[in-house]
Amino acid sequence: MVPPVQVSPLIKTARWSALLVGIIYGKRRYDNLKPIAEEERRIEEEEKKVREEKERIAKQLAEANEDTILK
């Protein structure tokens, strides 16, 4: 059995400080990236609308071609 490793209070404090700084930095980074994510979602929605419109137009053209061929 391995005896538990003794950690000095200074090391414990340093670890907790690093964790706290990581959390704060992560939150700031998230806050900075949030507008970018919102813009990406907006762009994806616009691209989806464009794809749907293209599909609608292609369907209309196909139906128009069928009507022309059948006449």
PDB file of N, CA and C in Angstrom:
ATOM      1  N   MET A   1       0.845  -1.189   0.000  1.00  0.00           N
ATOM      2  CA  MET A   1       0.000   0.000   0.000  1.00  0.00           C
ATOM      3  C   MET A   1       0.889   1.250   0.000  1.00  0.00           C
ATOM      4  N   VAL A   2       0.483   2.215  -0.803  1.00  0.00           N
ATOM      5  CA  VAL A   2       1.260   3.446  -0.926  1.00  0.00           C
ATOM      6  C   VAL A   2       0.740   4.447   0.098  1.00  0.00           C
ATOM      7  N   PRO A   3       1.658   5.033   0.867  1.00  0.00           N
ATOM      8  CA  PRO A   3       1.206   6.024   1.853  1.00  0.00           C
ATOM      9  C   PRO A   3       0.717   7.281   1.136  1.00  0.00           C
ATOM     10  N   PRO A   4      -0.253   7.970   1.716  1.00  0.00           N
ATOM     11  CA  PRO A   4      -0.758   9.195   1.088  1.00  0.00           C
ATOM     12  C   PRO A   4       0.332  10.261   1.000  1.00  0.00           C
ATOM     13  N   VAL A   5       0.306  10.999  -0.059  1.00  0.00           N
ATOM     14  CA  VAL A   5       1.291  12.056  -0.277  1.00  0.00           C
ATOM     15  C   VAL A   5       0.860  13.290   0.504  1.00  0.00           C
ATOM     16  N   GLN A   6       1.790  13.832   1.231  1.00  0.00           N
ATOM     17  CA  GLN A   6       1.506  15.043   1.989  1.00  0.00           C
ATOM     18  C   GLN A   6       1.679  16.249   1.070  1.00  0.00           C
ATOM     19  N   VAL A   7       0.671  17.108   1.031  1.00  0.00           N
ATOM     20  CA  VAL A   7       0.728  18.299   0.201  1.00  0.00           C
ATOM     21  C   VAL A   7       0.778  19.503   1.122  1.00  0.00           C
ATOM     22  N   SER A   8       1.718  20.376   0.852  1.00  0.00           N
ATOM     23  CA  SER A   8       1.867  21.550   1.706  1.00  0.00           C
ATOM     24  C   SER A   8       0.685  22.497   1.503  1.00  0.00           C
ATOM     25  N   PRO A   9       0.367  23.297   2.504  1.00  0.00           N
ATOM     26  CA  PRO A   9      -0.722  24.263   2.369  1.00  0.00           C
ATOM     27  C   PRO A   9      -0.481  25.251   1.224  1.00  0.00           C
ATOM     28  N   LEU A  10       0.772  25.561   0.959  1.00  0.00           N
ATOM     29  CA  LEU A  10       1.105  26.477  -0.124  1.00  0.00           C
ATOM     30  C   LEU A  10       0.696  25.879  -1.476  1.00  0.00           C
ATOM     31  N   ILE A  11       0.962  24.592  -1.653  1.00  0.00           N
ATOM     32  CA  ILE A  11       0.594  23.926  -2.909  1.00  0.00           C
ATOM     33  C   ILE A  11      -0.920  23.854  -3.029  1.00  0.00           C
ATOM     34  N   LYS A  12      -1.606  23.562  -1.934  1.00  0.00           N
ATOM     35  CA  LYS A  12      -3.074  23.526  -1.966  1.00  0.00           C
ATOM     36  C   LYS A  12      -3.633  24.890  -2.372  1.00  0.00           C
ATOM     37  N   THR A  13      -3.080  25.942  -1.788  1.00  0.00           N
ATOM     38  CA  THR A  13      -3.533  27.291  -2.111  1.00  0.00           C
ATOM     39  C   THR A  13      -3.274  27.597  -3.584  1.00  0.00           C
ATOM     40  N   ALA A  14      -2.112  27.199  -4.070  1.00  0.00           N
ATOM     41  CA  ALA A  14      -1.772  27.442  -5.477  1.00  0.00           C
ATOM     42  C   ALA A  14      -2.728  26.691  -6.393  1.00  0.00           C
ATOM     43  N   ARG A  15      -3.076  25.461  -6.043  1.00  0.00           N
ATOM     44  CA  ARG A  15      -4.003  24.682  -6.869  1.00  0.00           C
ATOM     45  C   ARG A  15      -5.387  25.329  -6.895  1.00  0.00           C
ATOM     46  N   TRP A  16      -5.859  25.746  -5.724  1.00  0.00           N
ATOM     47  CA  TRP A  16      -7.176  26.398  -5.664  1.00  0.00           C
ATOM     48  C   TRP A  16      -7.163  27.723  -6.427  1.00  0.00           C
ATOM     49  N   SER A  17      -6.059  28.443  -6.325  1.00  0.00           N
ATOM     50  CA  SER A  17      -5.949  29.710  -7.054  1.00  0.00           C
ATOM     51  C   SER A  17      -5.978  29.464  -8.557  1.00  0.00           C
ATOM     52  N   ALA A  18      -5.263  28.443  -9.002  1.00  0.00           N
ATOM     53  CA  ALA A  18      -5.236  28.121 -10.428  1.00  0.00           C
ATOM     54  C   ALA A  18      -6.635  27.719 -10.901  1.00  0.00           C
ATOM     55  N   LEU A  19      -7.338  26.956 -10.091  1.00  0.00           N
ATOM     56  CA  LEU A  19      -8.691  26.556 -10.440  1.00  0.00           C
ATOM     57  C   LEU A  19      -9.604  27.771 -10.555  1.00  0.00           C
ATOM     58  N   LEU A  20      -9.513  28.667  -9.597  1.00  0.00           N
ATOM     59  CA  LEU A  20     -10.340  29.869  -9.595  1.00  0.00           C
ATOM     60  C   LEU A  20     -10.030  30.753 -10.807  1.00  0.00           C
ATOM     61  N   VAL A  21      -8.757  30.929 -11.100  1.00  0.00           N
ATOM     62  CA  VAL A  21      -8.365  31.728 -12.258  1.00  0.00           C
ATOM     63  C   VAL A  21      -8.883  31.078 -13.534  1.00  0.00           C
ATOM     64  N   GLY A  22      -8.803  29.749 -13.610  1.00  0.00           N
ATOM     65  CA  GLY A  22      -9.316  29.032 -14.779  1.00  0.00           C
ATOM     66  C   GLY A  22     -10.807  29.246 -14.964  1.00  0.00           C
ATOM     67  N   ILE A  23     -11.548  29.224 -13.872  1.00  0.00           N
ATOM     68  CA  ILE A  23     -12.995  29.442 -13.940  1.00  0.00           C
ATOM     69  C   ILE A  23     -13.293  30.862 -14.407  1.00  0.00           C
ATOM     70  N   ILE A  24     -12.618  31.836 -13.827  1.00  0.00           N
ATOM     71  CA  ILE A  24     -12.844  33.238 -14.195  1.00  0.00           C
ATOM     72  C   ILE A  24     -12.460  33.469 -15.657  1.00  0.00           C
ATOM     73  N   TYR A  25     -11.293  32.951 -16.064  1.00  0.00           N
ATOM     74  CA  TYR A  25     -10.852  33.116 -17.452  1.00  0.00           C
ATOM     75  C   TYR A  25     -11.831  32.434 -18.402  1.00  0.00           C
ATOM     76  N   GLY A  26     -12.285  31.237 -18.038  1.00  0.00           N
ATOM     77  CA  GLY A  26     -13.231  30.512 -18.871  1.00  0.00           C
ATOM     78  C   GLY A  26     -14.530  31.277 -19.041  1.00  0.00           C
ATOM     79  N   LYS A  27     -15.020  31.894 -17.977  1.00  0.00           N
ATOM     80  CA  LYS A  27     -16.256  32.674 -18.053  1.00  0.00           C
ATOM     81  C   LYS A  27     -16.055  33.892 -18.956  1.00  0.00           C
ATOM     82  N   ARG A  28     -14.952  34.577 -18.794  1.00  0.00           N
ATOM     83  CA  ARG A  28     -14.679  35.741 -19.643  1.00  0.00           C
ATOM     84  C   ARG A  28     -14.566  35.328 -21.098  1.00  0.00           C
ATOM     85  N   ARG A  29     -13.891  34.217 -21.321  1.00  0.00           N
ATOM     86  CA  ARG A  29     -13.728  33.734 -22.690  1.00  0.00           C
ATOM     87  C   ARG A  29     -15.092  33.370 -23.269  1.00  0.00           C
ATOM     88  N   TYR A  30     -15.923  32.707 -22.462  1.00  0.00           N
ATOM     89  CA  TYR A  30     -17.274  32.350 -22.909  1.00  0.00           C
ATOM     90  C   TYR A  30     -18.069  33.605 -23.240  1.00  0.00           C
ATOM     91  N   ASP A  31     -17.988  34.604 -22.375  1.00  0.00           N
ATOM     92  CA  ASP A  31     -18.711  35.857 -22.611  1.00  0.00           C
ATOM     93  C   ASP A  31     -18.244  36.538 -23.893  1.00  0.00           C
ATOM     94  N   ASN A  32     -16.941  36.436 -24.180  1.00  0.00           N
ATOM     95  CA  ASN A  32     -16.416  37.037 -25.411  1.00  0.00           C
ATOM     96  C   ASN A  32     -16.837  36.260 -26.647  1.00  0.00           C
ATOM     97  N   LEU A  33     -16.992  34.943 -26.537  1.00  0.00           N
ATOM     98  CA  LEU A  33     -17.342  34.110 -27.683  1.00  0.00           C
ATOM     99  C   LEU A  33     -18.848  34.046 -27.924  1.00  0.00           C
ATOM    100  N   LYS A  34     -19.628  34.450 -26.939  1.00  0.00           N
ATOM    101  CA  LYS A  34     -21.085  34.372 -27.033  1.00  0.00           C
ATOM    102  C   LYS A  34     -21.645  35.115 -28.250  1.00  0.00           C
ATOM    103  N   PRO A  35     -21.241  36.360 -28.509  1.00  0.00           N
ATOM    104  CA  PRO A  35     -21.763  37.053 -29.699  1.00  0.00           C
ATOM    105  C   PRO A  35     -21.394  36.345 -31.004  1.00  0.00           C
ATOM    106  N   ILE A  36     -20.227  35.739 -31.045  1.00  0.00           N
ATOM    107  CA  ILE A  36     -19.808  35.020 -32.243  1.00  0.00           C
ATOM    108  C   ILE A  36     -20.712  33.818 -32.463  1.00  0.00           C
ATOM    109  N   ALA A  37     -21.027  33.108 -31.395  1.00  0.00           N
ATOM    110  CA  ALA A  37     -21.911  31.950 -31.502  1.00  0.00           C
ATOM    111  C   ALA A  37     -23.305  32.378 -31.961  1.00  0.00           C
ATOM    112  N   GLU A  38     -23.787  33.496 -31.453  1.00  0.00           N
ATOM    113  CA  GLU A  38     -25.096  34.000 -31.871  1.00  0.00           C
ATOM    114  C   GLU A  38     -25.090  34.355 -33.356  1.00  0.00           C
ATOM    115  N   GLU A  39     -24.016  34.970 -33.826  1.00  0.00           N
ATOM    116  CA  GLU A  39     -23.898  35.324 -35.240  1.00  0.00           C
ATOM    117  C   GLU A  39     -23.847  34.067 -36.107  1.00  0.00           C
ATOM    118  N   GLU A  40     -23.125  33.044 -35.640  1.00  0.00           N
ATOM    119  CA  GLU A  40     -23.063  31.788 -36.389  1.00  0.00           C
ATOM    120  C   GLU A  40     -24.438  31.143 -36.487  1.00  0.00           C
ATOM    121  N   ARG A  41     -25.219  31.185 -35.409  1.00  0.00           N
ATOM    122  CA  ARG A  41     -26.579  30.639 -35.445  1.00  0.00           C
ATOM    123  C   ARG A  41     -27.447  31.412 -36.431  1.00  0.00           C
ATOM    124  N   ARG A  42     -27.310  32.720 -36.441  1.00  0.00           N
ATOM    125  CA  ARG A  42     -28.086  33.542 -37.367  1.00  0.00           C
ATOM    126  C   ARG A  42     -27.723  33.198 -38.817  1.00  0.00           C
ATOM    127  N   ILE A  43     -26.440  33.038 -39.080  1.00  0.00           N
ATOM    128  CA  ILE A  43     -25.983  32.692 -40.422  1.00  0.00           C
ATOM    129  C   ILE A  43     -26.522  31.322 -40.832  1.00  0.00           C
ATOM    130  N   GLU A  44     -26.485  30.363 -39.909  1.00  0.00           N
ATOM    131  CA  GLU A  44     -27.010  29.028 -40.208  1.00  0.00           C
ATOM    132  C   GLU A  44     -28.502  29.093 -40.547  1.00  0.00           C
ATOM    133  N   GLU A  45     -29.246  29.909 -39.809  1.00  0.00           N
ATOM    134  CA  GLU A  45     -30.674  30.059 -40.084  1.00  0.00           C
ATOM    135  C   GLU A  45     -30.901  30.674 -41.473  1.00  0.00           C
ATOM    136  N   GLU A  46     -30.100  31.678 -41.816  1.00  0.00           N
ATOM    137  CA  GLU A  46     -30.212  32.296 -43.133  1.00  0.00           C
ATOM    138  C   GLU A  46     -29.878  31.291 -44.237  1.00  0.00           C
ATOM    139  N   GLU A  47     -28.826  30.497 -44.029  1.00  0.00           N
ATOM    140  CA  GLU A  47     -28.450  29.486 -45.018  1.00  0.00           C
ATOM    141  C   GLU A  47     -29.553  28.446 -45.173  1.00  0.00           C
ATOM    142  N   LYS A  48     -30.194  28.083 -44.086  1.00  0.00           N
ATOM    143  CA  LYS A  48     -31.300  27.126 -44.138  1.00  0.00           C
ATOM    144  C   LYS A  48     -32.462  27.700 -44.951  1.00  0.00           C
ATOM    145  N   LYS A  49     -32.772  28.975 -44.732  1.00  0.00           N
ATOM    146  CA  LYS A  49     -33.844  29.625 -45.496  1.00  0.00           C
ATOM    147  C   LYS A  49     -33.518  29.637 -46.986  1.00  0.00           C
ATOM    148  N   VAL A  50     -32.262  29.929 -47.319  1.00  0.00           N
ATOM    149  CA  VAL A  50     -31.844  29.969 -48.721  1.00  0.00           C
ATOM    150  C   VAL A  50     -31.974  28.572 -49.337  1.00  0.00           C
ATOM    151  N   ARG A  51     -31.519  27.532 -48.607  1.00  0.00           N
ATOM    152  CA  ARG A  51     -31.641  26.158 -49.109  1.00  0.00           C
ATOM    153  C   ARG A  51     -33.102  25.786 -49.356  1.00  0.00           C
ATOM    154  N   GLU A  52     -33.968  26.136 -48.405  1.00  0.00           N
ATOM    155  CA  GLU A  52     -35.390  25.829 -48.553  1.00  0.00           C
ATOM    156  C   GLU A  52     -35.986  26.556 -49.755  1.00  0.00           C
ATOM    157  N   GLU A  53     -35.578  27.799 -49.958  1.00  0.00           N
ATOM    158  CA  GLU A  53     -36.079  28.571 -51.100  1.00  0.00           C
ATOM    159  C   GLU A  53     -35.591  27.944 -52.407  1.00  0.00           C
ATOM    160  N   LYS A  54     -34.339  27.520 -52.465  1.00  0.00           N
ATOM    161  CA  LYS A  54     -33.811  26.870 -53.660  1.00  0.00           C
ATOM    162  C   LYS A  54     -34.576  25.581 -53.951  1.00  0.00           C
ATOM    163  N   GLU A  55     -34.859  24.808 -52.895  1.00  0.00           N
ATOM    164  CA  GLU A  55     -35.606  23.564 -53.076  1.00  0.00           C
ATOM    165  C   GLU A  55     -37.017  23.851 -53.587  1.00  0.00           C
ATOM    166  N   ARG A  56     -37.639  24.894 -53.061  1.00  0.00           N
ATOM    167  CA  ARG A  56     -38.988  25.266 -53.491  1.00  0.00           C
ATOM    168  C   ARG A  56     -38.982  25.658 -54.969  1.00  0.00           C
ATOM    169  N   ILE A  57     -38.000  26.457 -55.371  1.00  0.00           N
ATOM    170  CA  ILE A  57     -37.892  26.894 -56.769  1.00  0.00           C
ATOM    171  C   ILE A  57     -37.622  25.699 -57.682  1.00  0.00           C
ATOM    172  N   ALA A  58     -36.722  24.804 -57.251  1.00  0.00           N
ATOM    173  CA  ALA A  58     -36.420  23.623 -58.062  1.00  0.00           C
ATOM    174  C   ALA A  58     -37.676  22.767 -58.237  1.00  0.00           C
ATOM    175  N   LYS A  59     -38.466  22.640 -57.183  1.00  0.00           N
ATOM    176  CA  LYS A  59     -39.702  21.865 -57.263  1.00  0.00           C
ATOM    177  C   LYS A  59     -40.688  22.518 -58.239  1.00  0.00           C
ATOM    178  N   GLN A  60     -40.801  23.827 -58.178  1.00  0.00           N
ATOM    179  CA  GLN A  60     -41.685  24.547 -59.095  1.00  0.00           C
ATOM    180  C   GLN A  60     -41.229  24.375 -60.547  1.00  0.00           C
ATOM    181  N   LEU A  61     -39.915  24.450 -60.758  1.00  0.00           N
ATOM    182  CA  LEU A  61     -39.379  24.262 -62.112  1.00  0.00           C
ATOM    183  C   LEU A  61     -39.653  22.844 -62.617  1.00  0.00           C
ATOM    184  N   ALA A  62     -39.478  21.872 -61.744  1.00  0.00           N
ATOM    185  CA  ALA A  62     -39.727  20.485 -62.136  1.00  0.00           C
ATOM    186  C   ALA A  62     -41.198  20.297 -62.504  1.00  0.00           C
ATOM    187  N   GLU A  63     -42.090  20.874 -61.701  1.00  0.00           N
ATOM    188  CA  GLU A  63     -43.524  20.771 -62.000  1.00  0.00           C
ATOM    189  C   GLU A  63     -43.865  21.485 -63.312  1.00  0.00           C
ATOM    190  N   ALA A  64     -43.256  22.638 -63.536  1.00  0.00           N
ATOM    191  CA  ALA A  64     -43.491  23.385 -64.773  1.00  0.00           C
ATOM    192  C   ALA A  64     -42.989  22.586 -65.970  1.00  0.00           C
ATOM    193  N   ASN A  65     -41.842  21.931 -65.847  1.00  0.00           N
ATOM    194  CA  ASN A  65     -41.304  21.113 -66.935  1.00  0.00           C
ATOM    195  C   ASN A  65     -42.219  19.926 -67.223  1.00  0.00           C
ATOM    196  N   GLU A  66     -42.753  19.316 -66.154  1.00  0.00           N
ATOM    197  CA  GLU A  66     -43.687  18.200 -66.354  1.00  0.00           C
ATOM    198  C   GLU A  66     -44.920  18.661 -67.120  1.00  0.00           C
ATOM    199  N   ASP A  67     -45.453  19.812 -66.743  1.00  0.00           N
ATOM    200  CA  ASP A  67     -46.631  20.337 -67.421  1.00  0.00           C
ATOM    201  C   ASP A  67     -46.329  20.638 -68.895  1.00  0.00           C
ATOM    202  N   THR A  68     -45.156  21.158 -69.178  1.00  0.00           N
ATOM    203  CA  THR A  68     -44.771  21.500 -70.550  1.00  0.00           C
ATOM    204  C   THR A  68     -44.589  20.227 -71.382  1.00  0.00           C
ATOM    205  N   ILE A  69     -43.972  19.222 -70.782  1.00  0.00           N
ATOM    206  CA  ILE A  69     -43.723  17.972 -71.490  1.00  0.00           C
ATOM    207  C   ILE A  69     -45.038  17.252 -71.781  1.00  0.00           C
ATOM    208  N   LEU A  70     -45.957  17.286 -70.831  1.00  0.00           N
ATOM    209  CA  LEU A  70     -47.225  16.580 -70.991  1.00  0.00           C
ATOM    210  C   LEU A  70     -48.133  17.238 -72.035  1.00  0.00           C
ATOM    211  N   LYS A  71     -47.936  18.500 -72.344  1.00  0.00           N
ATOM    212  CA  LYS A  71     -48.800  19.213 -73.305  1.00  0.00           C
ATOM    213  C   LYS A  71     -48.420  18.956 -74.709  1.00  0.00           C
TER     214      LYS A  71
END
